[in-house]
PDB file of all heavy atoms in Angstrom:
ATOM      1  N   THR A   1     -13.587 -25.650 -14.096  1.00  0.00           N
ATOM      2  CA  THR A   1     -12.964 -24.721 -15.168  1.00  0.00           C
ATOM      3  C   THR A   1     -12.257 -23.597 -14.505  1.00  0.00           C
ATOM      4  O   THR A   1     -11.154 -23.177 -14.981  1.00  0.00           O
ATOM      5  CB  THR A   1     -14.223 -24.153 -15.962  1.00  0.00           C
ATOM      6  OG1 THR A   1     -14.878 -25.323 -16.595  1.00  0.00           O
ATOM      7  CG2 THR A   1     -13.650 -23.263 -17.073  1.00  0.00           C
ATOM      8  N   SER A   2     -12.795 -23.102 -13.353  1.00  0.00           N
ATOM      9  CA  SER A   2     -12.019 -21.974 -12.663  1.00  0.00           C
ATOM     10  C   SER A   2     -10.710 -22.483 -12.174  1.00  0.00           C
ATOM     11  O   SER A   2      -9.681 -21.734 -12.124  1.00  0.00           O
ATOM     12  CB  SER A   2     -12.891 -21.355 -11.626  1.00  0.00           C
ATOM     13  OG  SER A   2     -13.104 -22.276 -10.513  1.00  0.00           O
ATOM     14  N   PHE A   3     -10.637 -23.738 -11.675  1.00  0.00           N
ATOM     15  CA  PHE A   3      -9.421 -24.311 -11.199  1.00  0.00           C
ATOM     16  C   PHE A   3      -8.369 -24.475 -12.387  1.00  0.00           C
ATOM     17  O   PHE A   3      -7.197 -24.343 -12.153  1.00  0.00           O
ATOM     18  CB  PHE A   3      -9.664 -25.580 -10.380  1.00  0.00           C
ATOM     19  CG  PHE A   3      -9.973 -25.369  -8.968  1.00  0.00           C
ATOM     20  CD1 PHE A   3     -11.200 -25.501  -8.468  1.00  0.00           C
ATOM     21  CD2 PHE A   3      -8.946 -24.956  -8.128  1.00  0.00           C
ATOM     22  CE1 PHE A   3     -11.515 -25.336  -7.155  1.00  0.00           C
ATOM     23  CE2 PHE A   3      -9.199 -24.751  -6.676  1.00  0.00           C
ATOM     24  CZ  PHE A   3     -10.458 -24.984  -6.336  1.00  0.00           C
ATOM     25  N   TRP A   4      -8.938 -24.828 -13.498  1.00  0.00           N
ATOM     26  CA  TRP A   4      -8.021 -24.948 -14.650  1.00  0.00           C
ATOM     27  C   TRP A   4      -7.364 -23.611 -14.933  1.00  0.00           C
ATOM     28  O   TRP A   4      -6.160 -23.438 -15.148  1.00  0.00           O
ATOM     29  CB  TRP A   4      -8.802 -25.379 -15.879  1.00  0.00           C
ATOM     30  CG  TRP A   4      -7.930 -25.467 -17.102  1.00  0.00           C
ATOM     31  CD1 TRP A   4      -7.804 -24.539 -18.031  1.00  0.00           C
ATOM     32  CD2 TRP A   4      -7.105 -26.511 -17.425  1.00  0.00           C
ATOM     33  NE1 TRP A   4      -6.801 -24.933 -18.998  1.00  0.00           N
ATOM     34  CE2 TRP A   4      -6.396 -26.178 -18.624  1.00  0.00           C
ATOM     35  CE3 TRP A   4      -6.802 -27.734 -16.898  1.00  0.00           C
ATOM     36  CZ2 TRP A   4      -5.480 -26.979 -19.235  1.00  0.00           C
ATOM     37  CZ3 TRP A   4      -5.886 -28.547 -17.443  1.00  0.00           C
ATOM     38  CH2 TRP A   4      -5.197 -28.208 -18.671  1.00  0.00           C
ATOM     39  N   ASN A   5      -8.208 -22.527 -14.873  1.00  0.00           N
ATOM     40  CA  ASN A   5      -7.704 -21.159 -15.105  1.00  0.00           C
ATOM     41  C   ASN A   5      -6.671 -20.744 -13.975  1.00  0.00           C
ATOM     42  O   ASN A   5      -5.685 -20.039 -14.205  1.00  0.00           O
ATOM     43  CB  ASN A   5      -8.801 -20.155 -15.258  1.00  0.00           C
ATOM     44  CG  ASN A   5      -9.571 -20.418 -16.557  1.00  0.00           C
ATOM     45  OD1 ASN A   5      -8.998 -20.785 -17.530  1.00  0.00           O
ATOM     46  ND2 ASN A   5     -10.842 -20.054 -16.461  1.00  0.00           N
ATOM     47  N   LEU A   6      -6.988 -21.075 -12.789  1.00  0.00           N
ATOM     48  CA  LEU A   6      -6.093 -20.917 -11.638  1.00  0.00           C
ATOM     49  C   LEU A   6      -4.738 -21.549 -11.884  1.00  0.00           C
ATOM     50  O   LEU A   6      -3.763 -20.998 -11.570  1.00  0.00           O
ATOM     51  CB  LEU A   6      -6.733 -21.337 -10.294  1.00  0.00           C
ATOM     52  CG  LEU A   6      -5.961 -21.124  -9.071  1.00  0.00           C
ATOM     53  CD1 LEU A   6      -5.701 -19.670  -8.873  1.00  0.00           C
ATOM     54  CD2 LEU A   6      -6.616 -21.767  -7.830  1.00  0.00           C
ATOM     55  N   SER A   7      -4.764 -22.783 -12.432  1.00  0.00           N
ATOM     56  CA  SER A   7      -3.482 -23.479 -12.606  1.00  0.00           C
ATOM     57  C   SER A   7      -2.719 -22.728 -13.699  1.00  0.00           C
ATOM     58  O   SER A   7      -1.377 -22.687 -13.548  1.00  0.00           O
ATOM     59  CB  SER A   7      -3.736 -24.933 -13.060  1.00  0.00           C
ATOM     60  OG  SER A   7      -4.204 -24.926 -14.396  1.00  0.00           O
ATOM     61  N   VAL A   8      -3.361 -22.101 -14.650  1.00  0.00           N
ATOM     62  CA  VAL A   8      -2.579 -21.243 -15.586  1.00  0.00           C
ATOM     63  C   VAL A   8      -1.925 -20.069 -14.924  1.00  0.00           C
ATOM     64  O   VAL A   8      -0.734 -19.698 -15.158  1.00  0.00           O
ATOM     65  CB  VAL A   8      -3.444 -20.826 -16.776  1.00  0.00           C
ATOM     66  CG1 VAL A   8      -2.785 -19.814 -17.627  1.00  0.00           C
ATOM     67  CG2 VAL A   8      -3.968 -21.986 -17.568  1.00  0.00           C
ATOM     68  N   THR A   9      -2.643 -19.452 -14.030  1.00  0.00           N
ATOM     69  CA  THR A   9      -2.130 -18.309 -13.251  1.00  0.00           C
ATOM     70  C   THR A   9      -0.952 -18.743 -12.398  1.00  0.00           C
ATOM     71  O   THR A   9       0.093 -18.025 -12.388  1.00  0.00           O
ATOM     72  CB  THR A   9      -3.219 -17.692 -12.386  1.00  0.00           C
ATOM     73  OG1 THR A   9      -4.286 -17.332 -13.188  1.00  0.00           O
ATOM     74  CG2 THR A   9      -2.664 -16.550 -11.517  1.00  0.00           C
ATOM     75  N   ILE A  10      -1.041 -19.896 -11.711  1.00  0.00           N
ATOM     76  CA  ILE A  10       0.030 -20.350 -10.934  1.00  0.00           C
ATOM     77  C   ILE A  10       1.287 -20.597 -11.822  1.00  0.00           C
ATOM     78  O   ILE A  10       2.435 -20.405 -11.396  1.00  0.00           O
ATOM     79  CB  ILE A  10      -0.433 -21.591 -10.117  1.00  0.00           C
ATOM     80  CG1 ILE A  10      -1.412 -21.154  -8.994  1.00  0.00           C
ATOM     81  CG2 ILE A  10       0.807 -22.219  -9.419  1.00  0.00           C
ATOM     82  CD1 ILE A  10      -2.129 -22.295  -8.335  1.00  0.00           C
ATOM     83  N   GLY A  11       1.085 -21.242 -12.939  1.00  0.00           N
ATOM     84  CA  GLY A  11       2.219 -21.436 -13.865  1.00  0.00           C
ATOM     85  C   GLY A  11       2.910 -20.203 -14.285  1.00  0.00           C
ATOM     86  O   GLY A  11       4.078 -20.071 -14.343  1.00  0.00           O
ATOM     87  N   ASN A  12       2.087 -19.201 -14.608  1.00  0.00           N
ATOM     88  CA  ASN A  12       2.568 -17.853 -14.968  1.00  0.00           C
ATOM     89  C   ASN A  12       3.455 -17.246 -13.814  1.00  0.00           C
ATOM     90  O   ASN A  12       4.494 -16.642 -13.994  1.00  0.00           O
ATOM     91  CB  ASN A  12       1.529 -16.842 -15.413  1.00  0.00           C
ATOM     92  CG  ASN A  12       1.028 -17.303 -16.752  1.00  0.00           C
ATOM     93  OD1 ASN A  12       1.645 -17.981 -17.590  1.00  0.00           O
ATOM     94  ND2 ASN A  12      -0.249 -16.916 -16.994  1.00  0.00           N
ATOM     95  N   LEU A  13       3.003 -17.369 -12.609  1.00  0.00           N
ATOM     96  CA  LEU A  13       3.675 -16.896 -11.447  1.00  0.00           C
ATOM     97  C   LEU A  13       4.919 -17.627 -11.229  1.00  0.00           C
ATOM     98  O   LEU A  13       5.990 -17.043 -10.826  1.00  0.00           O
ATOM     99  CB  LEU A  13       2.792 -16.964 -10.206  1.00  0.00           C
ATOM    100  CG  LEU A  13       1.676 -15.948 -10.061  1.00  0.00           C
ATOM    101  CD1 LEU A  13       0.790 -16.278  -8.882  1.00  0.00           C
ATOM    102  CD2 LEU A  13       2.132 -14.538 -10.062  1.00  0.00           C
ATOM    103  N   TRP A  14       4.938 -18.970 -11.478  1.00  0.00           N
ATOM    104  CA  TRP A  14       6.185 -19.757 -11.405  1.00  0.00           C
ATOM    105  C   TRP A  14       7.232 -19.274 -12.466  1.00  0.00           C
ATOM    106  O   TRP A  14       8.426 -19.095 -11.992  1.00  0.00           O
ATOM    107  CB  TRP A  14       5.859 -21.212 -11.658  1.00  0.00           C
ATOM    108  CG  TRP A  14       7.095 -22.076 -11.467  1.00  0.00           C
ATOM    109  CD1 TRP A  14       7.575 -22.620 -10.289  1.00  0.00           C
ATOM    110  CD2 TRP A  14       7.909 -22.542 -12.466  1.00  0.00           C
ATOM    111  NE1 TRP A  14       8.683 -23.282 -10.621  1.00  0.00           N
ATOM    112  CE2 TRP A  14       8.907 -23.274 -11.847  1.00  0.00           C
ATOM    113  CE3 TRP A  14       7.945 -22.322 -13.809  1.00  0.00           C
ATOM    114  CZ2 TRP A  14       9.978 -23.868 -12.619  1.00  0.00           C
ATOM    115  CZ3 TRP A  14       8.886 -23.002 -14.560  1.00  0.00           C
ATOM    116  CH2 TRP A  14       9.950 -23.712 -13.980  1.00  0.00           C
ATOM    117  N   VAL A  15       6.853 -18.963 -13.564  1.00  0.00           N
ATOM    118  CA  VAL A  15       7.704 -18.458 -14.610  1.00  0.00           C
ATOM    119  C   VAL A  15       8.314 -17.127 -14.156  1.00  0.00           C
ATOM    120  O   VAL A  15       9.529 -16.838 -14.289  1.00  0.00           O
ATOM    121  CB  VAL A  15       7.053 -18.280 -15.983  1.00  0.00           C
ATOM    122  CG1 VAL A  15       7.947 -17.508 -16.953  1.00  0.00           C
ATOM    123  CG2 VAL A  15       6.745 -19.770 -16.483  1.00  0.00           C
ATOM    124  N   LEU A  16       7.466 -16.233 -13.622  1.00  0.00           N
ATOM    125  CA  LEU A  16       7.895 -14.946 -13.120  1.00  0.00           C
ATOM    126  C   LEU A  16       8.992 -15.107 -12.067  1.00  0.00           C
ATOM    127  O   LEU A  16       9.995 -14.532 -12.025  1.00  0.00           O
ATOM    128  CB  LEU A  16       6.727 -14.148 -12.513  1.00  0.00           C
ATOM    129  CG  LEU A  16       7.092 -12.851 -11.816  1.00  0.00           C
ATOM    130  CD1 LEU A  16       7.601 -11.871 -12.815  1.00  0.00           C
ATOM    131  CD2 LEU A  16       5.875 -12.357 -11.094  1.00  0.00           C
ATOM    132  N   LEU A  17       8.634 -16.037 -11.080  1.00  0.00           N
ATOM    133  CA  LEU A  17       9.689 -16.240  -9.984  1.00  0.00           C
ATOM    134  C   LEU A  17      10.958 -16.888 -10.469  1.00  0.00           C
ATOM    135  O   LEU A  17      12.064 -16.598 -10.010  1.00  0.00           O
ATOM    136  CB  LEU A  17       9.076 -17.252  -8.934  1.00  0.00           C
ATOM    137  CG  LEU A  17       7.982 -16.595  -8.023  1.00  0.00           C
ATOM    138  CD1 LEU A  17       7.337 -17.668  -7.216  1.00  0.00           C
ATOM    139  CD2 LEU A  17       8.455 -15.432  -7.291  1.00  0.00           C
ATOM    140  N   SER A  18      10.845 -17.716 -11.502  1.00  0.00           N
ATOM    141  CA  SER A  18      12.052 -18.257 -12.135  1.00  0.00           C
ATOM    142  C   SER A  18      12.908 -17.208 -12.804  1.00  0.00           C
ATOM    143  O   SER A  18      14.146 -17.132 -12.645  1.00  0.00           O
ATOM    144  CB  SER A  18      11.760 -19.321 -13.191  1.00  0.00           C
ATOM    145  OG  SER A  18      10.990 -20.387 -12.615  1.00  0.00           O
ATOM    146  N   ASN A  19      12.258 -16.312 -13.470  1.00  0.00           N
ATOM    147  CA  ASN A  19      12.972 -15.157 -14.121  1.00  0.00           C
ATOM    148  C   ASN A  19      13.606 -14.180 -13.095  1.00  0.00           C
ATOM    149  O   ASN A  19      14.690 -13.798 -13.331  1.00  0.00           O
ATOM    150  CB  ASN A  19      12.022 -14.409 -14.994  1.00  0.00           C
ATOM    151  CG  ASN A  19      11.828 -15.087 -16.345  1.00  0.00           C
ATOM    152  OD1 ASN A  19      12.681 -15.654 -16.955  1.00  0.00           O
ATOM    153  ND2 ASN A  19      10.473 -15.175 -16.747  1.00  0.00           N
ATOM    154  N   VAL A  20      12.940 -14.027 -11.991  1.00  0.00           N
ATOM    155  CA  VAL A  20      13.500 -13.160 -10.879  1.00  0.00           C
ATOM    156  C   VAL A  20      14.699 -13.902 -10.226  1.00  0.00           C
ATOM    157  O   VAL A  20      15.646 -13.290  -9.882  1.00  0.00           O
ATOM    158  CB  VAL A  20      12.398 -12.746  -9.918  1.00  0.00           C
ATOM    159  CG1 VAL A  20      13.014 -12.099  -8.708  1.00  0.00           C
ATOM    160  CG2 VAL A  20      11.452 -11.840 -10.622  1.00  0.00           C
ATOM    161  N   SER A  21      14.461 -15.187  -9.903  1.00  0.00           N
ATOM    162  CA  SER A  21      15.503 -15.948  -9.233  1.00  0.00           C
ATOM    163  C   SER A  21      16.820 -16.016  -9.958  1.00  0.00           C
ATOM    164  O   SER A  21      17.922 -16.096  -9.297  1.00  0.00           O
ATOM    165  CB  SER A  21      14.962 -17.362  -8.912  1.00  0.00           C
ATOM    166  OG  SER A  21      13.823 -17.289  -8.069  1.00  0.00           O
ATOM    167  N   ILE A  22      16.740 -16.010 -11.224  1.00  0.00           N
ATOM    168  CA  ILE A  22      17.953 -16.105 -12.009  1.00  0.00           C
ATOM    169  C   ILE A  22      18.886 -14.959 -11.881  1.00  0.00           C
ATOM    170  O   ILE A  22      20.129 -14.923 -12.083  1.00  0.00           O
ATOM    171  CB  ILE A  22      17.695 -16.432 -13.529  1.00  0.00           C
ATOM    172  CG1 ILE A  22      18.900 -17.005 -14.186  1.00  0.00           C
ATOM    173  CG2 ILE A  22      17.252 -15.181 -14.135  1.00  0.00           C
ATOM    174  CD1 ILE A  22      18.668 -17.603 -15.533  1.00  0.00           C
ATOM    175  N   LYS A  23      18.376 -13.853 -11.306  1.00  0.00           N
ATOM    176  CA  LYS A  23      19.068 -12.587 -11.111  1.00  0.00           C
ATOM    177  C   LYS A  23      19.788 -12.511  -9.803  1.00  0.00           C
ATOM    178  O   LYS A  23      20.517 -11.654  -9.447  1.00  0.00           O
ATOM    179  CB  LYS A  23      18.106 -11.351 -11.242  1.00  0.00           C
ATOM    180  CG  LYS A  23      17.386 -11.330 -12.559  1.00  0.00           C
ATOM    181  CD  LYS A  23      18.415 -11.030 -13.714  1.00  0.00           C
ATOM    182  CE  LYS A  23      17.560 -10.812 -14.981  1.00  0.00           C
ATOM    183  NZ  LYS A  23      18.400 -10.792 -16.181  1.00  0.00           N
ATOM    184  N   SER A  24      19.609 -13.605  -8.930  1.00  0.00           N
ATOM    185  CA  SER A  24      20.296 -13.540  -7.614  1.00  0.00           C
ATOM    186  C   SER A  24      21.817 -13.773  -7.850  1.00  0.00           C
ATOM    187  O   SER A  24      22.252 -14.349  -8.924  1.00  0.00           O
ATOM    188  CB  SER A  24      19.723 -14.709  -6.779  1.00  0.00           C
ATOM    189  OG  SER A  24      20.206 -16.010  -7.289  1.00  0.00           O
ATOM    190  N   PRO A  25      22.603 -13.236  -6.948  1.00  0.00           N
ATOM    191  CA  PRO A  25      24.113 -13.364  -7.203  1.00  0.00           C
ATOM    192  C   PRO A  25      24.631 -14.803  -7.314  1.00  0.00           C
ATOM    193  O   PRO A  25      25.440 -15.106  -8.072  1.00  0.00           O
ATOM    194  CB  PRO A  25      24.637 -12.691  -5.860  1.00  0.00           C
ATOM    195  CG  PRO A  25      23.523 -11.752  -5.420  1.00  0.00           C
ATOM    196  CD  PRO A  25      22.274 -12.456  -5.814  1.00  0.00           C
ATOM    197  N   GLY A  26      23.979 -15.672  -6.546  1.00  0.00           N
ATOM    198  CA  GLY A  26      24.404 -17.122  -6.595  1.00  0.00           C
ATOM    199  C   GLY A  26      24.169 -17.687  -7.933  1.00  0.00           C
ATOM    200  O   GLY A  26      24.950 -18.496  -8.538  1.00  0.00           O
ATOM    201  N   ALA A  27      22.874 -17.444  -8.423  1.00  0.00           N
ATOM    202  CA  ALA A  27      22.593 -18.020  -9.730  1.00  0.00           C
ATOM    203  C   ALA A  27      23.356 -17.388 -10.895  1.00  0.00           C
ATOM    204  O   ALA A  27      23.786 -18.048 -11.749  1.00  0.00           O
ATOM    205  CB  ALA A  27      20.999 -17.748 -10.004  1.00  0.00           C
ATOM    206  N   LEU A  28      23.620 -16.071 -10.803  1.00  0.00           N
ATOM    207  CA  LEU A  28      24.475 -15.368 -11.828  1.00  0.00           C
ATOM    208  C   LEU A  28      25.860 -15.938 -11.787  1.00  0.00           C
ATOM    209  O   LEU A  28      26.455 -16.124 -12.883  1.00  0.00           O
ATOM    210  CB  LEU A  28      24.458 -13.872 -11.625  1.00  0.00           C
ATOM    211  CG  LEU A  28      23.112 -13.161 -11.918  1.00  0.00           C
ATOM    212  CD1 LEU A  28      23.146 -11.685 -11.599  1.00  0.00           C
ATOM    213  CD2 LEU A  28      22.814 -13.305 -13.411  1.00  0.00           C
ATOM    214  N   ALA A  29      26.406 -16.265 -10.636  1.00  0.00           N
ATOM    215  CA  ALA A  29      27.784 -16.757 -10.534  1.00  0.00           C
ATOM    216  C   ALA A  29      27.801 -18.155 -11.151  1.00  0.00           C
ATOM    217  O   ALA A  29      28.744 -18.508 -11.827  1.00  0.00           O
ATOM    218  CB  ALA A  29      28.182 -16.808  -9.090  1.00  0.00           C
ATOM    219  N   ALA A  30      26.804 -18.957 -10.829  1.00  0.00           N
ATOM    220  CA  ALA A  30      26.782 -20.290 -11.385  1.00  0.00           C
ATOM    221  C   ALA A  30      26.644 -20.298 -12.938  1.00  0.00           C
ATOM    222  O   ALA A  30      27.301 -21.058 -13.650  1.00  0.00           O
ATOM    223  CB  ALA A  30      25.591 -21.076 -10.776  1.00  0.00           C
ATOM    224  N   ILE A  31      25.772 -19.330 -13.430  1.00  0.00           N
ATOM    225  CA  ILE A  31      25.622 -19.270 -14.909  1.00  0.00           C
ATOM    226  C   ILE A  31      26.881 -18.753 -15.577  1.00  0.00           C
ATOM    227  O   ILE A  31      27.329 -19.381 -16.566  1.00  0.00           O
ATOM    228  CB  ILE A  31      24.446 -18.284 -15.197  1.00  0.00           C
ATOM    229  CG1 ILE A  31      23.083 -18.968 -14.762  1.00  0.00           C
ATOM    230  CG2 ILE A  31      24.457 -17.881 -16.621  1.00  0.00           C
ATOM    231  CD1 ILE A  31      21.906 -18.081 -14.832  1.00  0.00           C
ATOM    232  N   GLN A  32      27.608 -17.768 -14.970  1.00  0.00           N
ATOM    233  CA  GLN A  32      28.802 -17.282 -15.501  1.00  0.00           C
ATOM    234  C   GLN A  32      29.894 -18.300 -15.585  1.00  0.00           C
ATOM    235  O   GLN A  32      30.733 -18.387 -16.498  1.00  0.00           O
ATOM    236  CB  GLN A  32      29.216 -16.041 -14.698  1.00  0.00           C
ATOM    237  CG  GLN A  32      28.363 -14.787 -15.026  1.00  0.00           C
ATOM    238  CD  GLN A  32      28.736 -13.660 -14.115  1.00  0.00           C
ATOM    239  OE1 GLN A  32      29.547 -13.737 -13.126  1.00  0.00           O
ATOM    240  NE2 GLN A  32      28.166 -12.471 -14.383  1.00  0.00           N
ATOM    241  N   SER A  33      29.879 -19.249 -14.624  1.00  0.00           N
ATOM    242  CA  SER A  33      30.831 -20.312 -14.578  1.00  0.00           C
ATOM    243  C   SER A  33      30.707 -21.254 -15.750  1.00  0.00           C
ATOM    244  O   SER A  33      31.612 -22.034 -16.124  1.00  0.00           O
ATOM    245  CB  SER A  33      30.834 -21.084 -13.223  1.00  0.00           C
ATOM    246  OG  SER A  33      29.688 -21.831 -13.081  1.00  0.00           O
ATOM    247  N   THR A  34      29.457 -21.299 -16.289  1.00  0.00           N
ATOM    248  CA  THR A  34      29.250 -22.221 -17.467  1.00  0.00           C
ATOM    249  C   THR A  34      29.730 -21.677 -18.759  1.00  0.00           C
ATOM    250  O   THR A  34      29.959 -22.485 -19.668  1.00  0.00           O
ATOM    251  CB  THR A  34      27.746 -22.646 -17.587  1.00  0.00           C
ATOM    252  OG1 THR A  34      27.002 -21.449 -17.978  1.00  0.00           O
ATOM    253  CG2 THR A  34      27.109 -23.170 -16.285  1.00  0.00           C
ATOM    254  N   GLY A  35      29.855 -20.384 -18.835  1.00  0.00           N
ATOM    255  CA  GLY A  35      30.206 -19.688 -20.049  1.00  0.00           C
ATOM    256  C   GLY A  35      29.010 -19.455 -20.997  1.00  0.00           C
ATOM    257  O   GLY A  35      29.197 -18.935 -22.081  1.00  0.00           O
TER     258      GLY A  35
END
């Protein structure tokens, strides 16, 4: 049960990292190129 809860925490950290990563100059340039 504790490992199940740990997996939820890891998933939340992954979402946080995804949201931060999208702010990198390379990611922003790629996104802007899509329109």
